[in-house]
Amino acid sequence: MKRPVDVLFDSLASAWNSQNLDALCALFTPDCTYIDMAFNVTSRGHAGLRDFARHVYSTLPNFYLQFPVRFGAGNQAASEWIITGTWRGDFEGADCTGRATRFTGLSRYELVDNKIRLNIDCWDFVALAKVLRPGAKVAFEPA
């Protein structure tokens, strides 16, 4: 028998990967908050979540999400995720159309009745920038 947290993450990956916005919203409370820390974007409610997802799909039309690590306790959950896809459009002022991407992140979730009320994504913007714009100067380069 699958743990409830595994059912949630499997459903979340399926909804994102099938680009099914109704299925995605069904996993979130109507008053949800979705925060993407790297892009400094906060989306609220199902309408905001739909807008955020549409933007994701417009830049990564073959978006694919995996949750190799996931856990939960009570009304809290967390995951490590991997996103792959092919970029379409500009990134930081340069056309990056056709570039394959792969980046990872961590997320924290607050749950209400096994639905996501709060989703906070934290991921490495610099790693994505290096993939999409090889050789471009980034804000921080370790010695």
N, C-alpha and C. Protein backbone atom coordinates (compact mmCIF):
# COMPACT_ATOMS: atom_id res chain seq x y z
N MET A 1 0.85 -1.19 0.00
CA MET A 1 0.00 0.00 0.00
C MET A 1 0.89 1.25 0.00
N LYS A 2 0.55 2.18 -0.88
CA LYS A 2 1.33 3.41 -0.97
C LYS A 2 1.00 4.34 0.19
N ARG A 3 2.03 5.04 0.64
CA ARG A 3 1.83 6.07 1.66
C ARG A 3 1.08 7.24 1.02
N PRO A 4 0.26 7.96 1.79
CA PRO A 4 -0.46 9.11 1.24
C PRO A 4 0.47 10.13 0.57
N VAL A 5 1.67 10.33 1.14
CA VAL A 5 2.59 11.29 0.54
C VAL A 5 3.07 10.81 -0.83
N ASP A 6 3.24 9.51 -1.01
CA ASP A 6 3.63 8.98 -2.32
C ASP A 6 2.51 9.13 -3.34
N VAL A 7 1.28 8.91 -2.90
CA VAL A 7 0.13 9.12 -3.79
C VAL A 7 0.08 10.57 -4.23
N LEU A 8 0.30 11.50 -3.29
CA LEU A 8 0.27 12.92 -3.62
C LEU A 8 1.37 13.26 -4.63
N PHE A 9 2.61 12.83 -4.39
CA PHE A 9 3.70 13.18 -5.30
C PHE A 9 3.57 12.49 -6.65
N ASP A 10 3.08 11.26 -6.68
CA ASP A 10 2.84 10.59 -7.96
C ASP A 10 1.77 11.33 -8.75
N SER A 11 0.72 11.77 -8.07
CA SER A 11 -0.36 12.52 -8.72
C SER A 11 0.13 13.88 -9.19
N LEU A 12 0.98 14.51 -8.38
CA LEU A 12 1.52 15.82 -8.73
C LEU A 12 2.39 15.72 -9.99
N ALA A 13 3.27 14.72 -10.03
CA ALA A 13 4.10 14.52 -11.22
C ALA A 13 3.23 14.22 -12.44
N SER A 14 2.23 13.39 -12.29
CA SER A 14 1.35 13.05 -13.39
C SER A 14 0.61 14.28 -13.92
N ALA A 15 0.10 15.11 -13.02
CA ALA A 15 -0.64 16.32 -13.44
C ALA A 15 0.28 17.30 -14.16
N TRP A 16 1.46 17.57 -13.59
CA TRP A 16 2.42 18.47 -14.24
C TRP A 16 2.83 17.91 -15.60
N ASN A 17 3.19 16.63 -15.65
CA ASN A 17 3.74 16.04 -16.88
C ASN A 17 2.70 15.91 -17.99
N SER A 18 1.43 15.74 -17.64
CA SER A 18 0.37 15.64 -18.65
C SER A 18 -0.17 17.02 -19.02
N GLN A 19 0.31 18.07 -18.32
CA GLN A 19 -0.14 19.44 -18.53
C GLN A 19 -1.65 19.56 -18.34
N ASN A 20 -2.14 18.79 -17.36
CA ASN A 20 -3.57 18.78 -17.03
C ASN A 20 -3.80 19.76 -15.88
N LEU A 21 -4.21 20.98 -16.22
CA LEU A 21 -4.37 22.02 -15.20
C LEU A 21 -5.50 21.72 -14.22
N ASP A 22 -6.55 21.05 -14.67
CA ASP A 22 -7.63 20.68 -13.75
C ASP A 22 -7.12 19.68 -12.72
N ALA A 23 -6.37 18.68 -13.17
CA ALA A 23 -5.80 17.68 -12.25
C ALA A 23 -4.80 18.34 -11.30
N LEU A 24 -4.01 19.29 -11.82
CA LEU A 24 -3.05 19.99 -10.98
C LEU A 24 -3.77 20.77 -9.89
N CYS A 25 -4.76 21.56 -10.27
CA CYS A 25 -5.50 22.36 -9.29
C CYS A 25 -6.22 21.50 -8.26
N ALA A 26 -6.65 20.32 -8.66
CA ALA A 26 -7.36 19.42 -7.74
C ALA A 26 -6.46 18.97 -6.59
N LEU A 27 -5.14 19.09 -6.75
CA LEU A 27 -4.20 18.69 -5.70
C LEU A 27 -3.88 19.83 -4.73
N PHE A 28 -4.39 21.02 -5.02
CA PHE A 28 -4.13 22.20 -4.21
C PHE A 28 -5.45 22.72 -3.63
N THR A 29 -5.36 23.34 -2.46
CA THR A 29 -6.54 23.98 -1.88
C THR A 29 -6.90 25.20 -2.72
N PRO A 30 -8.17 25.60 -2.72
CA PRO A 30 -8.57 26.78 -3.52
C PRO A 30 -7.82 28.06 -3.13
N ASP A 31 -7.38 28.15 -1.87
CA ASP A 31 -6.67 29.35 -1.39
C ASP A 31 -5.16 29.13 -1.34
N CYS A 32 -4.65 28.24 -2.19
CA CYS A 32 -3.23 27.88 -2.16
C CYS A 32 -2.32 29.06 -2.48
N THR A 33 -1.08 28.91 -2.04
CA THR A 33 -0.01 29.85 -2.40
C THR A 33 1.14 29.02 -2.96
N TYR A 34 1.62 29.42 -4.14
CA TYR A 34 2.73 28.74 -4.80
C TYR A 34 3.84 29.76 -4.98
N ILE A 35 5.00 29.48 -4.38
CA ILE A 35 6.12 30.42 -4.41
C ILE A 35 7.29 29.77 -5.15
N ASP A 36 7.78 30.46 -6.17
CA ASP A 36 8.99 30.07 -6.87
C ASP A 36 10.06 31.07 -6.44
N MET A 37 10.95 30.64 -5.54
CA MET A 37 11.92 31.56 -4.95
C MET A 37 12.95 32.04 -5.98
N ALA A 38 13.37 31.20 -6.90
CA ALA A 38 14.40 31.59 -7.86
C ALA A 38 13.91 32.70 -8.78
N PHE A 39 12.67 32.62 -9.21
CA PHE A 39 12.11 33.65 -10.09
C PHE A 39 11.39 34.74 -9.31
N ASN A 40 11.34 34.60 -7.98
CA ASN A 40 10.67 35.59 -7.12
C ASN A 40 9.22 35.81 -7.57
N VAL A 41 8.51 34.68 -7.74
CA VAL A 41 7.12 34.72 -8.17
C VAL A 41 6.25 34.06 -7.10
N THR A 42 5.17 34.73 -6.75
CA THR A 42 4.18 34.17 -5.83
C THR A 42 2.84 34.13 -6.56
N SER A 43 2.25 32.94 -6.63
CA SER A 43 0.95 32.75 -7.27
C SER A 43 -0.05 32.33 -6.20
N ARG A 44 -1.25 32.89 -6.28
CA ARG A 44 -2.26 32.60 -5.27
C ARG A 44 -3.54 32.04 -5.90
N GLY A 45 -4.07 31.04 -5.23
CA GLY A 45 -5.32 30.44 -5.68
C GLY A 45 -5.14 29.62 -6.95
N HIS A 46 -6.23 28.96 -7.34
CA HIS A 46 -6.17 28.12 -8.53
C HIS A 46 -5.90 28.95 -9.78
N ALA A 47 -6.43 30.15 -9.87
CA ALA A 47 -6.19 30.99 -11.05
C ALA A 47 -4.70 31.34 -11.16
N GLY A 48 -4.09 31.70 -10.06
CA GLY A 48 -2.66 32.00 -10.06
C GLY A 48 -1.82 30.79 -10.40
N LEU A 49 -2.21 29.63 -9.87
CA LEU A 49 -1.50 28.38 -10.17
C LEU A 49 -1.59 28.05 -11.66
N ARG A 50 -2.78 28.21 -12.23
CA ARG A 50 -2.96 27.97 -13.66
C ARG A 50 -2.07 28.90 -14.49
N ASP A 51 -2.02 30.18 -14.13
CA ASP A 51 -1.19 31.14 -14.86
C ASP A 51 0.29 30.76 -14.77
N PHE A 52 0.73 30.37 -13.57
CA PHE A 52 2.12 29.96 -13.39
C PHE A 52 2.44 28.73 -14.25
N ALA A 53 1.56 27.74 -14.21
CA ALA A 53 1.78 26.51 -14.98
C ALA A 53 1.79 26.80 -16.49
N ARG A 54 0.89 27.66 -16.95
CA ARG A 54 0.88 28.02 -18.38
C ARG A 54 2.21 28.65 -18.79
N HIS A 55 2.75 29.49 -17.93
CA HIS A 55 4.05 30.10 -18.23
C HIS A 55 5.14 29.03 -18.28
N VAL A 56 5.14 28.11 -17.33
CA VAL A 56 6.12 27.02 -17.34
C VAL A 56 6.03 26.25 -18.65
N TYR A 57 4.81 25.88 -19.07
CA TYR A 57 4.64 25.10 -20.29
C TYR A 57 5.01 25.90 -21.54
N SER A 58 4.87 27.22 -21.50
CA SER A 58 5.23 28.02 -22.67
C SER A 58 6.75 28.06 -22.85
N THR A 59 7.50 27.97 -21.76
CA THR A 59 8.96 27.99 -21.86
C THR A 59 9.56 26.59 -21.93
N LEU A 60 8.86 25.60 -21.43
CA LEU A 60 9.31 24.19 -21.50
C LEU A 60 8.14 23.35 -21.99
N PRO A 61 7.86 23.38 -23.30
CA PRO A 61 6.68 22.67 -23.81
C PRO A 61 6.70 21.16 -23.57
N ASN A 62 7.88 20.57 -23.43
CA ASN A 62 7.97 19.13 -23.13
C ASN A 62 8.44 18.92 -21.69
N PHE A 63 7.98 19.78 -20.81
CA PHE A 63 8.27 19.75 -19.38
C PHE A 63 8.09 18.35 -18.82
N TYR A 64 9.07 17.90 -18.04
CA TYR A 64 8.97 16.59 -17.38
C TYR A 64 9.53 16.71 -15.97
N LEU A 65 8.76 16.27 -14.99
CA LEU A 65 9.08 16.40 -13.57
C LEU A 65 9.16 15.03 -12.91
N GLN A 66 10.17 14.86 -12.08
CA GLN A 66 10.32 13.64 -11.26
C GLN A 66 10.54 14.05 -9.80
N PHE A 67 10.10 13.21 -8.89
CA PHE A 67 10.35 13.40 -7.46
C PHE A 67 11.13 12.19 -6.93
N PRO A 68 12.46 12.16 -7.09
CA PRO A 68 13.21 11.00 -6.62
C PRO A 68 13.25 10.88 -5.10
N VAL A 69 13.10 11.99 -4.39
CA VAL A 69 13.08 11.98 -2.93
C VAL A 69 11.84 12.73 -2.48
N ARG A 70 11.08 12.11 -1.59
CA ARG A 70 9.88 12.75 -1.06
C ARG A 70 9.60 12.19 0.32
N PHE A 71 9.11 13.05 1.18
CA PHE A 71 8.71 12.57 2.50
C PHE A 71 7.68 13.52 3.09
N GLY A 72 6.98 13.02 4.10
CA GLY A 72 5.96 13.83 4.75
C GLY A 72 5.76 13.38 6.17
N ALA A 73 5.30 14.32 6.99
CA ALA A 73 4.96 14.05 8.38
C ALA A 73 3.86 15.03 8.78
N GLY A 74 2.74 14.48 9.18
CA GLY A 74 1.62 15.35 9.56
C GLY A 74 1.18 16.20 8.38
N ASN A 75 1.13 17.51 8.61
CA ASN A 75 0.69 18.41 7.53
C ASN A 75 1.86 19.04 6.77
N GLN A 76 3.05 18.45 6.89
CA GLN A 76 4.24 18.95 6.19
C GLN A 76 4.77 17.89 5.25
N ALA A 77 5.31 18.35 4.13
CA ALA A 77 5.96 17.44 3.19
C ALA A 77 7.13 18.18 2.53
N ALA A 78 8.02 17.42 1.95
CA ALA A 78 9.17 18.01 1.25
C ALA A 78 9.58 17.06 0.13
N SER A 79 10.28 17.63 -0.86
CA SER A 79 10.73 16.80 -1.97
C SER A 79 11.99 17.38 -2.59
N GLU A 80 12.73 16.49 -3.22
CA GLU A 80 13.76 16.87 -4.18
C GLU A 80 13.15 16.57 -5.53
N TRP A 81 13.35 17.44 -6.49
CA TRP A 81 12.77 17.20 -7.80
C TRP A 81 13.79 17.46 -8.90
N ILE A 82 13.50 16.89 -10.06
CA ILE A 82 14.30 17.07 -11.26
C ILE A 82 13.34 17.46 -12.38
N ILE A 83 13.67 18.55 -13.07
CA ILE A 83 12.89 18.99 -14.23
C ILE A 83 13.79 18.90 -15.46
N THR A 84 13.24 18.32 -16.51
CA THR A 84 13.93 18.29 -17.79
C THR A 84 12.98 18.81 -18.85
N GLY A 85 13.55 19.25 -19.95
CA GLY A 85 12.74 19.74 -21.07
C GLY A 85 13.62 20.48 -22.05
N THR A 86 12.98 21.01 -23.07
CA THR A 86 13.67 21.80 -24.08
C THR A 86 13.12 23.21 -24.02
N TRP A 87 14.01 24.16 -23.83
CA TRP A 87 13.63 25.57 -23.64
C TRP A 87 13.07 26.16 -24.92
N ARG A 88 12.08 27.03 -24.77
CA ARG A 88 11.54 27.79 -25.90
C ARG A 88 11.48 29.25 -25.50
N GLY A 89 12.16 30.10 -26.25
CA GLY A 89 12.10 31.54 -26.02
C GLY A 89 13.35 32.08 -25.36
N ASP A 90 13.20 33.30 -24.85
CA ASP A 90 14.32 34.02 -24.25
C ASP A 90 14.58 33.59 -22.82
N PHE A 91 15.83 33.70 -22.43
CA PHE A 91 16.24 33.55 -21.04
C PHE A 91 17.31 34.58 -20.80
N GLU A 92 17.05 35.48 -19.89
CA GLU A 92 18.01 36.53 -19.53
C GLU A 92 18.50 37.29 -20.77
N GLY A 93 17.55 37.61 -21.66
CA GLY A 93 17.89 38.44 -22.80
C GLY A 93 18.47 37.74 -24.01
N ALA A 94 18.54 36.43 -24.00
CA ALA A 94 19.09 35.68 -25.14
C ALA A 94 18.10 34.60 -25.56
N ASP A 95 17.96 34.42 -26.86
CA ASP A 95 17.09 33.36 -27.37
C ASP A 95 17.76 32.02 -27.09
N CYS A 96 17.11 31.21 -26.29
CA CYS A 96 17.66 29.90 -25.91
C CYS A 96 16.82 28.75 -26.46
N THR A 97 16.00 29.06 -27.45
CA THR A 97 15.11 28.06 -28.03
C THR A 97 15.90 26.84 -28.49
N GLY A 98 15.40 25.67 -28.12
CA GLY A 98 15.99 24.41 -28.55
C GLY A 98 17.05 23.84 -27.61
N ARG A 99 17.39 24.57 -26.56
CA ARG A 99 18.42 24.06 -25.64
C ARG A 99 17.79 23.10 -24.62
N ALA A 100 18.40 21.93 -24.51
CA ALA A 100 17.95 20.94 -23.54
C ALA A 100 18.30 21.43 -22.13
N THR A 101 17.40 21.24 -21.20
CA THR A 101 17.63 21.68 -19.82
C THR A 101 17.41 20.53 -18.86
N ARG A 102 18.10 20.65 -17.75
CA ARG A 102 17.91 19.74 -16.62
C ARG A 102 18.33 20.53 -15.39
N PHE A 103 17.42 20.67 -14.44
CA PHE A 103 17.78 21.34 -13.20
C PHE A 103 17.01 20.71 -12.04
N THR A 104 17.57 20.90 -10.87
CA THR A 104 17.02 20.26 -9.67
C THR A 104 16.62 21.31 -8.65
N GLY A 105 15.79 20.89 -7.74
CA GLY A 105 15.37 21.79 -6.68
C GLY A 105 14.80 21.04 -5.50
N LEU A 106 14.48 21.81 -4.49
CA LEU A 106 13.86 21.30 -3.27
C LEU A 106 12.58 22.08 -3.04
N SER A 107 11.59 21.41 -2.52
CA SER A 107 10.33 22.08 -2.22
C SER A 107 9.82 21.68 -0.85
N ARG A 108 9.13 22.64 -0.24
CA ARG A 108 8.45 22.40 1.03
C ARG A 108 6.97 22.65 0.81
N TYR A 109 6.15 21.84 1.48
CA TYR A 109 4.71 21.90 1.30
C TYR A 109 4.01 21.91 2.65
N GLU A 110 2.94 22.68 2.75
CA GLU A 110 2.00 22.58 3.86
C GLU A 110 0.72 22.00 3.30
N LEU A 111 0.19 21.00 3.99
CA LEU A 111 -0.97 20.26 3.50
C LEU A 111 -2.19 20.48 4.39
N VAL A 112 -3.34 20.46 3.76
CA VAL A 112 -4.62 20.46 4.47
C VAL A 112 -5.46 19.37 3.82
N ASP A 113 -5.85 18.37 4.59
CA ASP A 113 -6.63 17.25 4.06
C ASP A 113 -5.99 16.65 2.80
N ASN A 114 -4.68 16.43 2.85
CA ASN A 114 -3.89 15.84 1.76
C ASN A 114 -3.89 16.68 0.48
N LYS A 115 -4.20 17.96 0.61
CA LYS A 115 -4.07 18.89 -0.52
C LYS A 115 -3.02 19.93 -0.15
N ILE A 116 -2.37 20.49 -1.16
CA ILE A 116 -1.29 21.44 -0.93
C ILE A 116 -1.87 22.84 -0.73
N ARG A 117 -1.61 23.41 0.42
CA ARG A 117 -2.02 24.79 0.70
C ARG A 117 -0.86 25.75 0.40
N LEU A 118 0.37 25.31 0.66
CA LEU A 118 1.55 26.12 0.42
C LEU A 118 2.61 25.27 -0.25
N ASN A 119 3.15 25.77 -1.36
CA ASN A 119 4.23 25.11 -2.10
C ASN A 119 5.33 26.15 -2.27
N ILE A 120 6.51 25.86 -1.73
CA ILE A 120 7.66 26.75 -1.89
C ILE A 120 8.75 25.99 -2.62
N ASP A 121 9.07 26.47 -3.83
CA ASP A 121 10.13 25.87 -4.64
C ASP A 121 11.41 26.67 -4.48
N CYS A 122 12.51 25.97 -4.27
CA CYS A 122 13.83 26.59 -4.18
C CYS A 122 14.74 25.80 -5.10
N TRP A 123 15.33 26.50 -6.07
CA TRP A 123 16.19 25.81 -7.03
C TRP A 123 17.31 26.73 -7.46
N ASP A 124 18.26 26.15 -8.17
CA ASP A 124 19.51 26.82 -8.51
C ASP A 124 19.39 27.55 -9.86
N PHE A 125 19.09 28.83 -9.80
CA PHE A 125 18.96 29.67 -10.99
C PHE A 125 20.27 29.71 -11.77
N VAL A 126 21.39 29.77 -11.08
CA VAL A 126 22.70 29.86 -11.74
C VAL A 126 22.97 28.59 -12.56
N ALA A 127 22.61 27.44 -12.03
CA ALA A 127 22.80 26.19 -12.78
C ALA A 127 22.00 26.20 -14.07
N LEU A 128 20.76 26.69 -14.02
CA LEU A 128 19.95 26.78 -15.23
C LEU A 128 20.57 27.77 -16.20
N ALA A 129 21.04 28.90 -15.70
CA ALA A 129 21.67 29.91 -16.55
C ALA A 129 22.90 29.34 -17.27
N LYS A 130 23.67 28.54 -16.58
CA LYS A 130 24.87 27.95 -17.18
C LYS A 130 24.52 26.96 -18.28
N VAL A 131 23.40 26.25 -18.13
CA VAL A 131 22.96 25.31 -19.16
C VAL A 131 22.42 26.07 -20.37
N LEU A 132 21.61 27.08 -20.12
CA LEU A 132 20.98 27.80 -21.22
C LEU A 132 21.90 28.79 -21.91
N ARG A 133 22.84 29.34 -21.16
CA ARG A 133 23.75 30.34 -21.73
C ARG A 133 25.19 29.99 -21.38
N PRO A 134 25.72 28.92 -21.96
CA PRO A 134 27.09 28.52 -21.64
C PRO A 134 28.08 29.67 -21.91
N GLY A 135 28.97 29.87 -21.00
CA GLY A 135 29.96 30.92 -21.14
C GLY A 135 29.51 32.28 -20.68
N ALA A 136 28.22 32.45 -20.39
CA ALA A 136 27.74 33.75 -19.92
C ALA A 136 28.24 33.99 -18.50
N LYS A 137 28.50 35.23 -18.19
CA LYS A 137 28.94 35.58 -16.85
C LYS A 137 27.75 35.50 -15.90
N VAL A 138 27.94 34.84 -14.79
CA VAL A 138 26.89 34.75 -13.78
C VAL A 138 27.31 35.54 -12.56
N ALA A 139 26.36 35.80 -11.69
CA ALA A 139 26.60 36.69 -10.54
C ALA A 139 27.70 36.18 -9.64
N PHE A 140 27.85 34.88 -9.49
CA PHE A 140 28.83 34.35 -8.57
C PHE A 140 29.56 33.20 -9.22
N GLU A 141 30.85 33.30 -9.29
CA GLU A 141 31.69 32.23 -9.83
C GLU A 141 32.71 31.86 -8.76
N PRO A 142 32.59 30.68 -8.17
CA PRO A 142 33.58 30.29 -7.15
C PRO A 142 34.98 30.20 -7.75
N ALA A 143 35.94 30.47 -6.92
CA ALA A 143 37.35 30.44 -7.37
C ALA A 143 37.81 29.03 -7.60
